[in-house]
Amino acid sequence: DFNNVSIASIAVPYAQTEDEIEHKLAFLEVLQQHMKKTRRKR
């Protein structure tokens, strides 16, 4: 967090197998909810 902007580094899981894809999609759901929350911030 800086005075005028916040900058994040994000690593979405790499996936190949079916289990890995489910793992990746679960993370993306959590990240999406977080992105929605940030849009409500000033």
PDB file of all heavy atoms in Angstrom:
ATOM      1  N   ASP A   1       0.843  -1.193   0.000  1.00  0.00           N
ATOM      2  CA  ASP A   1       0.000   0.000   0.000  1.00  0.00           C
ATOM      3  C   ASP A   1       0.881   1.247   0.000  1.00  0.00           C
ATOM      4  O   ASP A   1       1.739   1.410   0.875  1.00  0.00           O
ATOM      5  CB  ASP A   1      -0.890   0.026   1.243  1.00  0.00           C
ATOM      6  CG  ASP A   1      -1.976  -1.030   1.210  1.00  0.00           C
ATOM      7  OD1 ASP A   1      -2.234  -1.590   0.128  1.00  0.00           O
ATOM      8  OD2 ASP A   1      -2.576  -1.283   2.274  1.00  0.00           O
ATOM      9  N   PHE A   2       0.625   2.119  -0.976  1.00  0.00           N
ATOM     10  CA  PHE A   2       1.296   3.415  -1.056  1.00  0.00           C
ATOM     11  C   PHE A   2       0.254   4.510  -0.837  1.00  0.00           C
ATOM     12  O   PHE A   2      -0.920   4.215  -0.604  1.00  0.00           O
ATOM     13  CB  PHE A   2       1.990   3.568  -2.410  1.00  0.00           C
ATOM     14  CG  PHE A   2       2.985   2.479  -2.710  1.00  0.00           C
ATOM     15  CD1 PHE A   2       2.619   1.371  -3.463  1.00  0.00           C
ATOM     16  CD2 PHE A   2       4.283   2.545  -2.211  1.00  0.00           C
ATOM     17  CE1 PHE A   2       3.538   0.356  -3.739  1.00  0.00           C
ATOM     18  CE2 PHE A   2       5.203   1.539  -2.473  1.00  0.00           C
ATOM     19  CZ  PHE A   2       4.822   0.438  -3.239  1.00  0.00           C
ATOM     20  N   ASN A   3       0.661   5.750  -0.894  1.00  0.00           N
ATOM     21  CA  ASN A   3      -0.277   6.839  -0.630  1.00  0.00           C
ATOM     22  C   ASN A   3      -1.465   6.834  -1.584  1.00  0.00           C
ATOM     23  O   ASN A   3      -2.618   7.013  -1.171  1.00  0.00           O
ATOM     24  CB  ASN A   3       0.440   8.189  -0.723  1.00  0.00           C
ATOM     25  CG  ASN A   3       1.338   8.456   0.469  1.00  0.00           C
ATOM     26  OD1 ASN A   3       1.067   8.003   1.573  1.00  0.00           O
ATOM     27  ND2 ASN A   3       2.411   9.187   0.248  1.00  0.00           N
ATOM     28  N   ASN A   4      -1.196   6.649  -2.884  1.00  0.00           N
ATOM     29  CA  ASN A   4      -2.229   6.815  -3.898  1.00  0.00           C
ATOM     30  C   ASN A   4      -2.681   5.530  -4.569  1.00  0.00           C
ATOM     31  O   ASN A   4      -3.649   5.556  -5.340  1.00  0.00           O
ATOM     32  CB  ASN A   4      -1.737   7.789  -4.979  1.00  0.00           C
ATOM     33  CG  ASN A   4      -1.484   9.171  -4.433  1.00  0.00           C
ATOM     34  OD1 ASN A   4      -2.262   9.684  -3.622  1.00  0.00           O
ATOM     35  ND2 ASN A   4      -0.395   9.797  -4.852  1.00  0.00           N
ATOM     36  N   VAL A   5      -2.010   4.433  -4.310  1.00  0.00           N
ATOM     37  CA  VAL A   5      -2.338   3.194  -5.009  1.00  0.00           C
ATOM     38  C   VAL A   5      -1.841   2.004  -4.192  1.00  0.00           C
ATOM     39  O   VAL A   5      -0.871   2.118  -3.436  1.00  0.00           O
ATOM     40  CB  VAL A   5      -1.709   3.184  -6.422  1.00  0.00           C
ATOM     41  CG1 VAL A   5      -0.184   3.167  -6.347  1.00  0.00           C
ATOM     42  CG2 VAL A   5      -2.227   2.033  -7.268  1.00  0.00           C
ATOM     43  N   SER A   6      -2.524   0.889  -4.339  1.00  0.00           N
ATOM     44  CA  SER A   6      -2.069  -0.373  -3.766  1.00  0.00           C
ATOM     45  C   SER A   6      -1.702  -1.309  -4.916  1.00  0.00           C
ATOM     46  O   SER A   6      -2.438  -1.398  -5.906  1.00  0.00           O
ATOM     47  CB  SER A   6      -3.168  -1.016  -2.912  1.00  0.00           C
ATOM     48  OG  SER A   6      -3.429  -0.237  -1.763  1.00  0.00           O
ATOM     49  N   ILE A   7      -0.579  -1.998  -4.781  1.00  0.00           N
ATOM     50  CA  ILE A   7      -0.085  -2.878  -5.845  1.00  0.00           C
ATOM     51  C   ILE A   7       0.102  -4.272  -5.268  1.00  0.00           C
ATOM     52  O   ILE A   7       0.808  -4.445  -4.268  1.00  0.00           O
ATOM     53  CB  ILE A   7       1.234  -2.353  -6.433  1.00  0.00           C
ATOM     54  CG1 ILE A   7       1.045  -0.931  -6.977  1.00  0.00           C
ATOM     55  CG2 ILE A   7       1.750  -3.293  -7.528  1.00  0.00           C
ATOM     56  CD1 ILE A   7       2.334  -0.280  -7.464  1.00  0.00           C
ATOM     57  N   ALA A   8      -0.514  -5.258  -5.893  1.00  0.00           N
ATOM     58  CA  ALA A   8      -0.448  -6.635  -5.410  1.00  0.00           C
ATOM     59  C   ALA A   8       0.274  -7.517  -6.422  1.00  0.00           C
ATOM     60  O   ALA A   8       0.199  -7.296  -7.633  1.00  0.00           O
ATOM     61  CB  ALA A   8      -1.840  -7.185  -5.149  1.00  0.00           C
ATOM     62  N   SER A   9       0.951  -8.518  -5.892  1.00  0.00           N
ATOM     63  CA  SER A   9       1.545  -9.588  -6.696  1.00  0.00           C
ATOM     64  C   SER A   9       0.743 -10.855  -6.421  1.00  0.00           C
ATOM     65  O   SER A   9       0.613 -11.278  -5.273  1.00  0.00           O
ATOM     66  CB  SER A   9       3.019  -9.789  -6.324  1.00  0.00           C
ATOM     67  OG  SER A   9       3.595 -10.845  -7.071  1.00  0.00           O
ATOM     68  N   ILE A  10       0.213 -11.467  -7.496  1.00  0.00           N
ATOM     69  CA  ILE A  10      -0.728 -12.579  -7.373  1.00  0.00           C
ATOM     70  C   ILE A  10      -0.233 -13.763  -8.192  1.00  0.00           C
ATOM     71  O   ILE A  10       0.136 -13.609  -9.362  1.00  0.00           O
ATOM     72  CB  ILE A  10      -2.124 -12.166  -7.861  1.00  0.00           C
ATOM     73  CG1 ILE A  10      -2.643 -10.969  -7.047  1.00  0.00           C
ATOM     74  CG2 ILE A  10      -3.098 -13.334  -7.796  1.00  0.00           C
ATOM     75  CD1 ILE A  10      -3.893 -10.346  -7.623  1.00  0.00           C
ATOM     76  N   ALA A  11      -0.261 -14.939  -7.587  1.00  0.00           N
ATOM     77  CA  ALA A  11       0.137 -16.167  -8.282  1.00  0.00           C
ATOM     78  C   ALA A  11      -1.041 -17.139  -8.296  1.00  0.00           C
ATOM     79  O   ALA A  11      -1.304 -17.829  -7.312  1.00  0.00           O
ATOM     80  CB  ALA A  11       1.346 -16.817  -7.604  1.00  0.00           C
ATOM     81  N   VAL A  12      -1.748 -17.187  -9.410  1.00  0.00           N
ATOM     82  CA  VAL A  12      -2.831 -18.165  -9.581  1.00  0.00           C
ATOM     83  C   VAL A  12      -2.203 -19.541  -9.803  1.00  0.00           C
ATOM     84  O   VAL A  12      -1.193 -19.658 -10.503  1.00  0.00           O
ATOM     85  CB  VAL A  12      -3.724 -17.769 -10.770  1.00  0.00           C
ATOM     86  CG1 VAL A  12      -4.754 -18.849 -11.070  1.00  0.00           C
ATOM     87  CG2 VAL A  12      -4.423 -16.438 -10.491  1.00  0.00           C
ATOM     88  N   PRO A  13      -2.759 -20.604  -9.226  1.00  0.00           N
ATOM     89  CA  PRO A  13      -2.155 -21.928  -9.391  1.00  0.00           C
ATOM     90  C   PRO A  13      -2.081 -22.371 -10.848  1.00  0.00           C
ATOM     91  O   PRO A  13      -3.020 -22.173 -11.619  1.00  0.00           O
ATOM     92  CB  PRO A  13      -3.092 -22.848  -8.594  1.00  0.00           C
ATOM     93  CG  PRO A  13      -3.780 -21.964  -7.629  1.00  0.00           C
ATOM     94  CD  PRO A  13      -3.921 -20.637  -8.316  1.00  0.00           C
ATOM     95  N   TYR A  14      -0.973 -22.982 -11.194  1.00  0.00           N
ATOM     96  CA  TYR A  14      -0.833 -23.667 -12.479  1.00  0.00           C
ATOM     97  C   TYR A  14      -1.572 -24.993 -12.391  1.00  0.00           C
ATOM     98  O   TYR A  14      -1.578 -25.640 -11.346  1.00  0.00           O
ATOM     99  CB  TYR A  14       0.650 -23.908 -12.771  1.00  0.00           C
ATOM    100  CG  TYR A  14       0.922 -24.799 -13.961  1.00  0.00           C
ATOM    101  CD1 TYR A  14       0.838 -24.299 -15.257  1.00  0.00           C
ATOM    102  CD2 TYR A  14       1.263 -26.136 -13.782  1.00  0.00           C
ATOM    103  CE1 TYR A  14       1.085 -25.110 -16.347  1.00  0.00           C
ATOM    104  CE2 TYR A  14       1.520 -26.958 -14.865  1.00  0.00           C
ATOM    105  CZ  TYR A  14       1.427 -26.441 -16.142  1.00  0.00           C
ATOM    106  OH  TYR A  14       1.675 -27.253 -17.224  1.00  0.00           O
ATOM    107  N   ALA A  15      -2.208 -25.407 -13.469  1.00  0.00           N
ATOM    108  CA  ALA A  15      -3.009 -26.628 -13.409  1.00  0.00           C
ATOM    109  C   ALA A  15      -2.897 -27.423 -14.696  1.00  0.00           C
ATOM    110  O   ALA A  15      -2.843 -26.855 -15.797  1.00  0.00           O
ATOM    111  CB  ALA A  15      -4.474 -26.285 -13.147  1.00  0.00           C
ATOM    112  N   GLN A  16      -2.876 -28.745 -14.542  1.00  0.00           N
ATOM    113  CA  GLN A  16      -2.952 -29.651 -15.691  1.00  0.00           C
ATOM    114  C   GLN A  16      -3.978 -30.756 -15.440  1.00  0.00           C
ATOM    115  O   GLN A  16      -4.830 -31.001 -16.258  1.00  0.00           O
ATOM    116  CB  GLN A  16      -1.577 -30.272 -15.983  1.00  0.00           C
ATOM    117  CG  GLN A  16      -0.632 -29.367 -16.755  1.00  0.00           C
ATOM    118  CD  GLN A  16       0.612 -30.110 -17.217  1.00  0.00           C
ATOM    119  OE1 GLN A  16       1.265 -30.786 -16.432  1.00  0.00           O
ATOM    120  NE2 GLN A  16       0.947 -29.983 -18.485  1.00  0.00           N
ATOM    121  N   THR A  17      -3.874 -31.425 -14.284  1.00  0.00           N
ATOM    122  CA  THR A  17      -4.770 -32.525 -13.974  1.00  0.00           C
ATOM    123  C   THR A  17      -6.131 -32.003 -13.540  1.00  0.00           C
ATOM    124  O   THR A  17      -6.303 -30.819 -13.230  1.00  0.00           O
ATOM    125  CB  THR A  17      -4.183 -33.401 -12.859  1.00  0.00           C
ATOM    126  OG1 THR A  17      -4.182 -32.651 -11.635  1.00  0.00           O
ATOM    127  CG2 THR A  17      -2.762 -33.835 -13.187  1.00  0.00           C
ATOM    128  N   GLU A  18      -7.105 -32.910 -13.480  1.00  0.00           N
ATOM    129  CA  GLU A  18      -8.447 -32.520 -13.061  1.00  0.00           C
ATOM    130  C   GLU A  18      -8.442 -31.960 -11.647  1.00  0.00           C
ATOM    131  O   GLU A  18      -9.110 -30.949 -11.364  1.00  0.00           O
ATOM    132  CB  GLU A  18      -9.377 -33.732 -13.154  1.00  0.00           C
ATOM    133  CG  GLU A  18     -10.838 -33.404 -12.876  1.00  0.00           C
ATOM    134  CD  GLU A  18     -11.759 -34.585 -13.138  1.00  0.00           C
ATOM    135  OE1 GLU A  18     -11.403 -35.442 -13.967  1.00  0.00           O
ATOM    136  OE2 GLU A  18     -12.832 -34.639 -12.495  1.00  0.00           O
ATOM    137  N   ASP A  19      -7.714 -32.595 -10.739  1.00  0.00           N
ATOM    138  CA  ASP A  19      -7.640 -32.093  -9.358  1.00  0.00           C
ATOM    139  C   ASP A  19      -7.001 -30.717  -9.307  1.00  0.00           C
ATOM    140  O   ASP A  19      -7.435 -29.848  -8.538  1.00  0.00           O
ATOM    141  CB  ASP A  19      -6.854 -33.070  -8.489  1.00  0.00           C
ATOM    142  CG  ASP A  19      -7.634 -34.341  -8.177  1.00  0.00           C
ATOM    143  OD1 ASP A  19      -8.859 -34.361  -8.403  1.00  0.00           O
ATOM    144  OD2 ASP A  19      -7.005 -35.318  -7.718  1.00  0.00           O
ATOM    145  N   GLU A  20      -5.943 -30.512 -10.094  1.00  0.00           N
ATOM    146  CA  GLU A  20      -5.272 -29.208 -10.120  1.00  0.00           C
ATOM    147  C   GLU A  20      -6.194 -28.134 -10.671  1.00  0.00           C
ATOM    148  O   GLU A  20      -6.175 -26.990 -10.206  1.00  0.00           O
ATOM    149  CB  GLU A  20      -3.991 -29.299 -10.942  1.00  0.00           C
ATOM    150  CG  GLU A  20      -2.880 -30.100 -10.279  1.00  0.00           C
ATOM    151  CD  GLU A  20      -1.699 -30.339 -11.201  1.00  0.00           C
ATOM    152  OE1 GLU A  20      -1.852 -30.197 -12.440  1.00  0.00           O
ATOM    153  OE2 GLU A  20      -0.613 -30.674 -10.695  1.00  0.00           O
ATOM    154  N   ILE A  21      -7.001 -28.486 -11.668  1.00  0.00           N
ATOM    155  CA  ILE A  21      -7.940 -27.514 -12.231  1.00  0.00           C
ATOM    156  C   ILE A  21      -8.981 -27.117 -11.186  1.00  0.00           C
ATOM    157  O   ILE A  21      -9.317 -25.928 -11.042  1.00  0.00           O
ATOM    158  CB  ILE A  21      -8.609 -28.083 -13.496  1.00  0.00           C
ATOM    159  CG1 ILE A  21      -7.576 -28.197 -14.620  1.00  0.00           C
ATOM    160  CG2 ILE A  21      -9.773 -27.199 -13.936  1.00  0.00           C
ATOM    161  CD1 ILE A  21      -8.064 -28.973 -15.831  1.00  0.00           C
ATOM    162  N   GLU A  22      -9.491 -28.094 -10.429  1.00  0.00           N
ATOM    163  CA  GLU A  22     -10.437 -27.773  -9.362  1.00  0.00           C
ATOM    164  C   GLU A  22      -9.793 -26.860  -8.317  1.00  0.00           C
ATOM    165  O   GLU A  22     -10.423 -25.929  -7.808  1.00  0.00           O
ATOM    166  CB  GLU A  22     -10.930 -29.066  -8.703  1.00  0.00           C
ATOM    167  CG  GLU A  22     -11.844 -29.901  -9.591  1.00  0.00           C
ATOM    168  CD  GLU A  22     -12.351 -31.136  -8.894  1.00  0.00           C
ATOM    169  OE1 GLU A  22     -12.068 -31.301  -7.684  1.00  0.00           O
ATOM    170  OE2 GLU A  22     -13.037 -31.949  -9.546  1.00  0.00           O
ATOM    171  N   HIS A  23      -8.534 -27.129  -7.997  1.00  0.00           N
ATOM    172  CA  HIS A  23      -7.773 -26.313  -7.051  1.00  0.00           C
ATOM    173  C   HIS A  23      -7.641 -24.882  -7.570  1.00  0.00           C
ATOM    174  O   HIS A  23      -7.868 -23.912  -6.836  1.00  0.00           O
ATOM    175  CB  HIS A  23      -6.397 -26.957  -6.867  1.00  0.00           C
ATOM    176  CG  HIS A  23      -5.512 -26.278  -5.867  1.00  0.00           C
ATOM    177  ND1 HIS A  23      -5.690 -26.380  -4.517  1.00  0.00           N
ATOM    178  CD2 HIS A  23      -4.409 -25.487  -6.033  1.00  0.00           C
ATOM    179  CE1 HIS A  23      -4.761 -25.689  -3.889  1.00  0.00           C
ATOM    180  NE2 HIS A  23      -3.977 -25.131  -4.786  1.00  0.00           N
ATOM    181  N   LYS A  24      -7.320 -24.761  -8.831  1.00  0.00           N
ATOM    182  CA  LYS A  24      -7.162 -23.440  -9.458  1.00  0.00           C
ATOM    183  C   LYS A  24      -8.483 -22.673  -9.462  1.00  0.00           C
ATOM    184  O   LYS A  24      -8.527 -21.485  -9.102  1.00  0.00           O
ATOM    185  CB  LYS A  24      -6.650 -23.621 -10.893  1.00  0.00           C
ATOM    186  CG  LYS A  24      -6.516 -22.344 -11.706  1.00  0.00           C
ATOM    187  CD  LYS A  24      -6.025 -22.665 -13.104  1.00  0.00           C
ATOM    188  CE  LYS A  24      -5.850 -21.439 -13.973  1.00  0.00           C
ATOM    189  NZ  LYS A  24      -5.346 -21.786 -15.331  1.00  0.00           N
ATOM    190  N   LEU A  25      -9.558 -23.330  -9.840  1.00  0.00           N
ATOM    191  CA  LEU A  25     -10.854 -22.655  -9.897  1.00  0.00           C
ATOM    192  C   LEU A  25     -11.319 -22.226  -8.511  1.00  0.00           C
ATOM    193  O   LEU A  25     -11.954 -21.182  -8.359  1.00  0.00           O
ATOM    194  CB  LEU A  25     -11.889 -23.572 -10.554  1.00  0.00           C
ATOM    195  CG  LEU A  25     -11.672 -23.867 -12.045  1.00  0.00           C
ATOM    196  CD1 LEU A  25     -12.681 -24.889 -12.539  1.00  0.00           C
ATOM    197  CD2 LEU A  25     -11.740 -22.589 -12.878  1.00  0.00           C
ATOM    198  N   ALA A  26     -10.992 -23.021  -7.503  1.00  0.00           N
ATOM    199  CA  ALA A  26     -11.346 -22.642  -6.133  1.00  0.00           C
ATOM    200  C   ALA A  26     -10.600 -21.378  -5.710  1.00  0.00           C
ATOM    201  O   ALA A  26     -11.171 -20.490  -5.064  1.00  0.00           O
ATOM    202  CB  ALA A  26     -11.041 -23.793  -5.180  1.00  0.00           C
ATOM    203  N   PHE A  27      -9.329 -21.294  -6.072  1.00  0.00           N
ATOM    204  CA  PHE A  27      -8.578 -20.070  -5.756  1.00  0.00           C
ATOM    205  C   PHE A  27      -9.156 -18.874  -6.506  1.00  0.00           C
ATOM    206  O   PHE A  27      -9.288 -17.776  -5.953  1.00  0.00           O
ATOM    207  CB  PHE A  27      -7.098 -20.239  -6.103  1.00  0.00           C
ATOM    208  CG  PHE A  27      -6.318 -18.966  -5.907  1.00  0.00           C
ATOM    209  CD1 PHE A  27      -5.923 -18.559  -4.645  1.00  0.00           C
ATOM    210  CD2 PHE A  27      -5.989 -18.158  -7.000  1.00  0.00           C
ATOM    211  CE1 PHE A  27      -5.230 -17.369  -4.458  1.00  0.00           C
ATOM    212  CE2 PHE A  27      -5.297 -16.966  -6.822  1.00  0.00           C
ATOM    213  CZ  PHE A  27      -4.910 -16.576  -5.541  1.00  0.00           C
ATOM    214  N   LEU A  28      -9.473 -19.067  -7.771  1.00  0.00           N
ATOM    215  CA  LEU A  28     -10.025 -17.969  -8.566  1.00  0.00           C
ATOM    216  C   LEU A  28     -11.327 -17.446  -7.965  1.00  0.00           C
ATOM    217  O   LEU A  28     -11.594 -16.240  -8.018  1.00  0.00           O
ATOM    218  CB  LEU A  28     -10.240 -18.422 -10.008  1.00  0.00           C
ATOM    219  CG  LEU A  28      -8.972 -18.575 -10.858  1.00  0.00           C
ATOM    220  CD1 LEU A  28      -9.302 -19.242 -12.184  1.00  0.00           C
ATOM    221  CD2 LEU A  28      -8.304 -17.228 -11.102  1.00  0.00           C
ATOM    222  N   GLU A  29     -12.127 -18.323  -7.381  1.00  0.00           N
ATOM    223  CA  GLU A  29     -13.363 -17.888  -6.734  1.00  0.00           C
ATOM    224  C   GLU A  29     -13.053 -16.988  -5.539  1.00  0.00           C
ATOM    225  O   GLU A  29     -13.688 -15.941  -5.353  1.00  0.00           O
ATOM    226  CB  GLU A  29     -14.174 -19.104  -6.287  1.00  0.00           C
ATOM    227  CG  GLU A  29     -15.430 -18.764  -5.492  1.00  0.00           C
ATOM    228  CD  GLU A  29     -16.428 -17.912  -6.266  1.00  0.00           C
ATOM    229  OE1 GLU A  29     -16.458 -18.003  -7.514  1.00  0.00           O
ATOM    230  OE2 GLU A  29     -17.175 -17.149  -5.616  1.00  0.00           O
ATOM    231  N   VAL A  30     -12.071 -17.371  -4.732  1.00  0.00           N
ATOM    232  CA  VAL A  30     -11.679 -16.556  -3.585  1.00  0.00           C
ATOM    233  C   VAL A  30     -11.111 -15.222  -4.054  1.00  0.00           C
ATOM    234  O   VAL A  30     -11.413 -14.153  -3.501  1.00  0.00           O
ATOM    235  CB  VAL A  30     -10.659 -17.310  -2.712  1.00  0.00           C
ATOM    236  CG1 VAL A  30     -10.080 -16.403  -1.628  1.00  0.00           C
ATOM    237  CG2 VAL A  30     -11.314 -18.530  -2.073  1.00  0.00           C
ATOM    238  N   LEU A  31     -10.281 -15.255  -5.097  1.00  0.00           N
ATOM    239  CA  LEU A  31      -9.709 -14.015  -5.630  1.00  0.00           C
ATOM    240  C   LEU A  31     -10.804 -13.109  -6.180  1.00  0.00           C
ATOM    241  O   LEU A  31     -10.762 -11.881  -5.986  1.00  0.00           O
ATOM    242  CB  LEU A  31      -8.687 -14.350  -6.719  1.00  0.00           C
ATOM    243  CG  LEU A  31      -8.019 -13.159  -7.403  1.00  0.00           C
ATOM    244  CD1 LEU A  31      -7.264 -12.287  -6.401  1.00  0.00           C
ATOM    245  CD2 LEU A  31      -7.063 -13.637  -8.508  1.00  0.00           C
ATOM    246  N   GLN A  32     -11.779 -13.687  -6.848  1.00  0.00           N
ATOM    247  CA  GLN A  32     -12.877 -12.879  -7.385  1.00  0.00           C
ATOM    248  C   GLN A  32     -13.637 -12.159  -6.278  1.00  0.00           C
ATOM    249  O   GLN A  32     -13.970 -10.970  -6.408  1.00  0.00           O
ATOM    250  CB  GLN A  32     -13.834 -13.756  -8.190  1.00  0.00           C
ATOM    251  CG  GLN A  32     -14.940 -12.964  -8.876  1.00  0.00           C
ATOM    252  CD  GLN A  32     -15.830 -13.846  -9.709  1.00  0.00           C
ATOM    253  OE1 GLN A  32     -16.856 -14.326  -9.224  1.00  0.00           O
ATOM    254  NE2 GLN A  32     -15.458 -14.080 -10.963  1.00  0.00           N
ATOM    255  N   GLN A  33     -13.914 -12.852  -5.188  1.00  0.00           N
ATOM    256  CA  GLN A  33     -14.603 -12.217  -4.067  1.00  0.00           C
ATOM    257  C   GLN A  33     -13.766 -11.078  -3.487  1.00  0.00           C
ATOM    258  O   GLN A  33     -14.298 -10.028  -3.111  1.00  0.00           O
ATOM    259  CB  GLN A  33     -14.925 -13.249  -2.988  1.00  0.00           C
ATOM    260  CG  GLN A  33     -15.928 -14.311  -3.426  1.00  0.00           C
ATOM    261  CD  GLN A  33     -17.223 -13.721  -3.971  1.00  0.00           C
ATOM    262  OE1 GLN A  33     -17.808 -12.812  -3.371  1.00  0.00           O
ATOM    263  NE2 GLN A  33     -17.665 -14.227  -5.108  1.00  0.00           N
ATOM    264  N   HIS A  34     -12.457 -11.287  -3.431  1.00  0.00           N
ATOM    265  CA  HIS A  34     -11.574 -10.232  -2.933  1.00  0.00           C
ATOM    266  C   HIS A  34     -11.589  -9.021  -3.872  1.00  0.00           C
ATOM    267  O   HIS A  34     -11.612  -7.874  -3.409  1.00  0.00           O
ATOM    268  CB  HIS A  34     -10.150 -10.768  -2.796  1.00  0.00           C
ATOM    269  CG  HIS A  34      -9.180  -9.770  -2.246  1.00  0.00           C
ATOM    270  ND1 HIS A  34      -9.141  -9.418  -0.910  1.00  0.00           N
ATOM    271  CD2 HIS A  34      -8.221  -9.009  -2.861  1.00  0.00           C
ATOM    272  CE1 HIS A  34      -8.213  -8.494  -0.726  1.00  0.00           C
ATOM    273  NE2 HIS A  34      -7.648  -8.235  -1.889  1.00  0.00           N
ATOM    274  N   MET A  35     -11.583  -9.279  -5.169  1.00  0.00           N
ATOM    275  CA  MET A  35     -11.618  -8.178  -6.139  1.00  0.00           C
ATOM    276  C   MET A  35     -12.908  -7.375  -6.003  1.00  0.00           C
ATOM    277  O   MET A  35     -12.910  -6.144  -6.124  1.00  0.00           O
ATOM    278  CB  MET A  35     -11.450  -8.732  -7.553  1.00  0.00           C
ATOM    279  CG  MET A  35     -10.071  -9.342  -7.801  1.00  0.00           C
ATOM    280  SD  MET A  35      -9.922 -10.201  -9.392  1.00  0.00           S
ATOM    281  CE  MET A  35      -9.585  -8.815 -10.489  1.00  0.00           C
ATOM    282  N   LYS A  36     -14.001  -8.060  -5.745  1.00  0.00           N
ATOM    283  CA  LYS A  36     -15.271  -7.355  -5.540  1.00  0.00           C
ATOM    284  C   LYS A  36     -15.188  -6.438  -4.318  1.00  0.00           C
ATOM    285  O   LYS A  36     -15.680  -5.301  -4.344  1.00  0.00           O
ATOM    286  CB  LYS A  36     -16.403  -8.360  -5.361  1.00  0.00           C
ATOM    287  CG  LYS A  36     -16.791  -9.099  -6.625  1.00  0.00           C
ATOM    288  CD  LYS A  36     -17.904 -10.112  -6.345  1.00  0.00           C
ATOM    289  CE  LYS A  36     -18.309 -10.852  -7.593  1.00  0.00           C
ATOM    290  NZ  LYS A  36     -19.360 -11.874  -7.332  1.00  0.00           N
ATOM    291  N   LYS A  37     -14.560  -6.928  -3.254  1.00  0.00           N
ATOM    292  CA  LYS A  37     -14.422  -6.119  -2.045  1.00  0.00           C
ATOM    293  C   LYS A  37     -13.572  -4.874  -2.304  1.00  0.00           C
ATOM    294  O   LYS A  37     -13.879  -3.789  -1.810  1.00  0.00           O
ATOM    295  CB  LYS A  37     -13.797  -6.945  -0.925  1.00  0.00           C
ATOM    296  CG  LYS A  37     -14.687  -8.049  -0.386  1.00  0.00           C
ATOM    297  CD  LYS A  37     -13.957  -8.857   0.683  1.00  0.00           C
ATOM    298  CE  LYS A  37     -14.805 -10.010   1.182  1.00  0.00           C
ATOM    299  NZ  LYS A  37     -14.059 -10.842   2.173  1.00  0.00           N
ATOM    300  N   THR A  38     -12.510  -5.030  -3.073  1.00  0.00           N
ATOM    301  CA  THR A  38     -11.634  -3.885  -3.323  1.00  0.00           C
ATOM    302  C   THR A  38     -12.338  -2.795  -4.123  1.00  0.00           C
ATOM    303  O   THR A  38     -12.028  -1.611  -3.966  1.00  0.00           O
ATOM    304  CB  THR A  38     -10.355  -4.306  -4.076  1.00  0.00           C
ATOM    305  OG1 THR A  38     -10.697  -4.810  -5.377  1.00  0.00           O
ATOM    306  CG2 THR A  38      -9.586  -5.364  -3.315  1.00  0.00           C
ATOM    307  N   ARG A  39     -13.290  -3.182  -4.950  1.00  0.00           N
ATOM    308  CA  ARG A  39     -13.993  -2.182  -5.752  1.00  0.00           C
ATOM    309  C   ARG A  39     -14.874  -1.291  -4.882  1.00  0.00           C
ATOM    310  O   ARG A  39     -15.295  -0.226  -5.329  1.00  0.00           O
ATOM    311  CB  ARG A  39     -14.832  -2.874  -6.833  1.00  0.00           C
ATOM    312  CG  ARG A  39     -13.999  -3.577  -7.891  1.00  0.00           C
ATOM    313  CD  ARG A  39     -13.232  -2.590  -8.787  1.00  0.00           C
ATOM    314  NE  ARG A  39     -14.151  -1.877  -9.660  1.00  0.00           N
ATOM    315  CZ  ARG A  39     -14.345  -0.578  -9.650  1.00  0.00           C
ATOM    316  NH1 ARG A  39     -13.695   0.195  -8.787  1.00  0.00           N
ATOM    317  NH2 ARG A  39     -15.178  -0.014 -10.493  1.00  0.00           N
ATOM    318  N   ARG A  40     -15.145  -1.721  -3.663  1.00  0.00           N
ATOM    319  CA  ARG A  40     -15.952  -0.904  -2.757  1.00  0.00           C
ATOM    320  C   ARG A  40     -15.104   0.054  -1.921  1.00  0.00           C
ATOM    321  O   ARG A  40     -15.641   0.859  -1.164  1.00  0.00           O
ATOM    322  CB  ARG A  40     -16.789  -1.804  -1.845  1.00  0.00           C
ATOM    323  CG  ARG A  40     -17.808  -2.669  -2.581  1.00  0.00           C
ATOM    324  CD  ARG A  40     -18.830  -3.263  -1.635  1.00  0.00           C
ATOM    325  NE  ARG A  40     -18.272  -4.306  -0.797  1.00  0.00           N
ATOM    326  CZ  ARG A  40     -18.289  -5.601  -1.099  1.00  0.00           C
ATOM    327  NH1 ARG A  40     -18.823  -6.003  -2.242  1.00  0.00           N
ATOM    328  NH2 ARG A  40     -17.783  -6.498  -0.284  1.00  0.00           N
ATOM    329  N   LYS A  41     -13.788  -0.052  -2.092  1.00  0.00           N
ATOM    330  CA  LYS A  41     -12.888   0.794  -1.305  1.00  0.00           C
ATOM    331  C   LYS A  41     -12.530   2.057  -2.080  1.00  0.00           C
ATOM    332  O   LYS A  41     -12.521   2.066  -3.306  1.00  0.00           O
ATOM    333  CB  LYS A  41     -11.619   0.013  -0.944  1.00  0.00           C
ATOM    334  CG  LYS A  41     -11.886  -1.186  -0.053  1.00  0.00           C
ATOM    335  CD  LYS A  41     -10.608  -1.910   0.302  1.00  0.00           C
ATOM    336  CE  LYS A  41     -10.887  -3.101   1.203  1.00  0.00           C
ATOM    337  NZ  LYS A  41      -9.640  -3.830   1.557  1.00  0.00           N
ATOM    338  N   ARG A  42     -12.207   3.087  -1.335  1.00  0.00           N
ATOM    339  CA  ARG A  42     -11.840   4.358  -1.968  1.00  0.00           C
ATOM    340  C   ARG A  42     -10.339   4.411  -2.194  1.00  0.00           C
ATOM    341  O   ARG A  42      -9.640   5.301  -1.708  1.00  0.00           O
ATOM    342  CB  ARG A  42     -12.308   5.529  -1.105  1.00  0.00           C
ATOM    343  CG  ARG A  42     -13.814   5.632  -0.998  1.00  0.00           C
ATOM    344  CD  ARG A  42     -14.238   6.828  -0.171  1.00  0.00           C
ATOM    345  NE  ARG A  42     -15.690   6.957  -0.110  1.00  0.00           N
ATOM    346  CZ  ARG A  42     -16.333   7.901   0.549  1.00  0.00           C
ATOM    347  NH1 ARG A  42     -15.636   8.811   1.230  1.00  0.00           N
ATOM    348  NH2 ARG A  42     -17.642   7.947   0.555  1.00  0.00           N
TER     349      ARG A  42
END
